[in-house]
Amino acid sequence: MIDMRILVVDDEVHIRKTTTVTLDALGHETAQASNSAEALAHLQKGSFDAAFLDLRLGDENGLDLIPKMLALEPKLNVIVFTAYSSIDTAVEAMRRGAVDYIAKPFTPDQIRQSLSRIENARRLENRVVELESMLSTNETLADFNTEEPLVQKLFETATKAAASVATILLIGESGTGKSVLARALHKNSPRRDNAFVTVACPSLSRELLESELFGHVRGAFTGAVGETWGKIKAAEGGTLFLDEIGELPMEIQPKLLRLLQEREYERVGDPKPRKANVRVVAATNRRLEDLVKEGKFREDLYYRLNVITIEMPPLRSRPLDLPSLAHQHLKMFARQSGRAIKDFTPAAVSAMARYPWPGNLRELRNVIERAVILTPGDKIDLNDFPDSLRGSQPSGAVIGNRVSLEELEREHIMRIIEIAGSMDEAAQILGIDPATLYRKRKRYAELADPKAPAPTPAS
């Protein structure tokens, strides 16, 4: 059951007490009001998920209070109860915004059933949000079987962390599967039945990112013609995944710190504090310690995020896992495209093993998807791969053909320059002096285009 903050509005003391005792026993947080003024005051001070409202508040008509409550809390689930039960009253209450109707005298079981309906509706909304999030991303397969001992230890740590409520920081190069692991952490947590909501920190301007994360009220800024509840509200009871947290603007960082410390936030343009029941998982491909030293990331926020840190290894550090990962993607894309492709040729396997995979799992996914689409046979061959991958070893198209040793040397050197991180590293791989490598590259460039300027040593 999702814990909710619930307001009980009734002019009879014993009804308020009976209802709050039932709600407290179910684990919900409650507040009480005896009239409309008290109810509106509660809503102005804080945020509520639901309200039980008596339709007879002394001389006041509870029906008139419903739209006023919803004006302050548009997503409030109002459940009305009254001793003056009639179909007409129920229909009018629903027309004004109530979600359910209970006739007095009521039982604790009726309270539980009404809340259960609200929870089911919320889970459906959360599921829609999660599906939209999954469709908007291009994730790699979630596979956590590994032959690498260090990676196995990493996944064991992730399994233990999933069951906790601690904030988790995922670090590693782009494409290593941080977002996939974040979703797996959610699926293996007590929050699995609620939403997993992703916020891509570099994707929007500061203003739009702040609005997307915290929500805004109408008129909060130019173009804010309506209200937005934001991703924090959408992730209520679930997991909020902050992707590339290192790109979070400094202006937003104090607000995120408040969310982590106090479980509280405010929508843009709305001073009313709102409670948040979300578990935060953050990811970055940057070193947050360096950003702290550069004054681009708050130190206190860094320590709040860095409760449990999991570093995702690059694909080049997982040679034992590469064959199984490649075959899993082959199987998936072959099934999706209706192709009867079941394996790789030895030349393709050798090329994948030698390639450094700078784009990691994301690049592996893209390469195999492309190969499945383009291959004419029932096995993926070396020629089905892009040039960068074919160049990771001397290809059969060159060796054995009628080419000179100089041409073969030139192709090999240029391939090594492409995959190396620097010219010095390329020279080390080739076993030659860096100065010799610079001269050779300059000569190759001149042969390709005599008018082109010579490459600089720094490039």
Foldseek 3Di string as FASTA:
>chain_A
DAAWEEEEEALDPVVQVVVVVLNVVVVYHYDYHLDLVVVLVVLLAEAGAEYEYEQPRDPHGRLVSLLVSCVSPVNYAYEYEYQPDDPVVVVSSVVSPHDYYDYPPDDSVVVVVVVVVVVVVLLVLQVVQQVVVVVVDDAADQDQDAPDPVSVVLVVLLLVVLADLAFEEEEEAAQLGPVSSVLVSQCNYPLNSGHEHEQEQVPDDLVVSLCQAQWAAAPLDPPRNHTGRHDQVSQASGAYEYEACLNHFPVCLVQVLCCLPVQWHHHRPRPHIYHGRYRYYYYHHDDVVVCVVVVGHPPSSVVRNVPHYRYRYFQLVRLVCVVVSLQVLLVVLCVVVVHQAREADPQLVVLSSLANPSNGSVVSNVQSNQQSVPDPDNHRYLVSGDPLSVLSDDDPVPPPDPDDPVVSVLSNLVSLCVRDPALVRSCVVVVHDSVVSLVSQQVVVCVVPVPDDGDDRRD
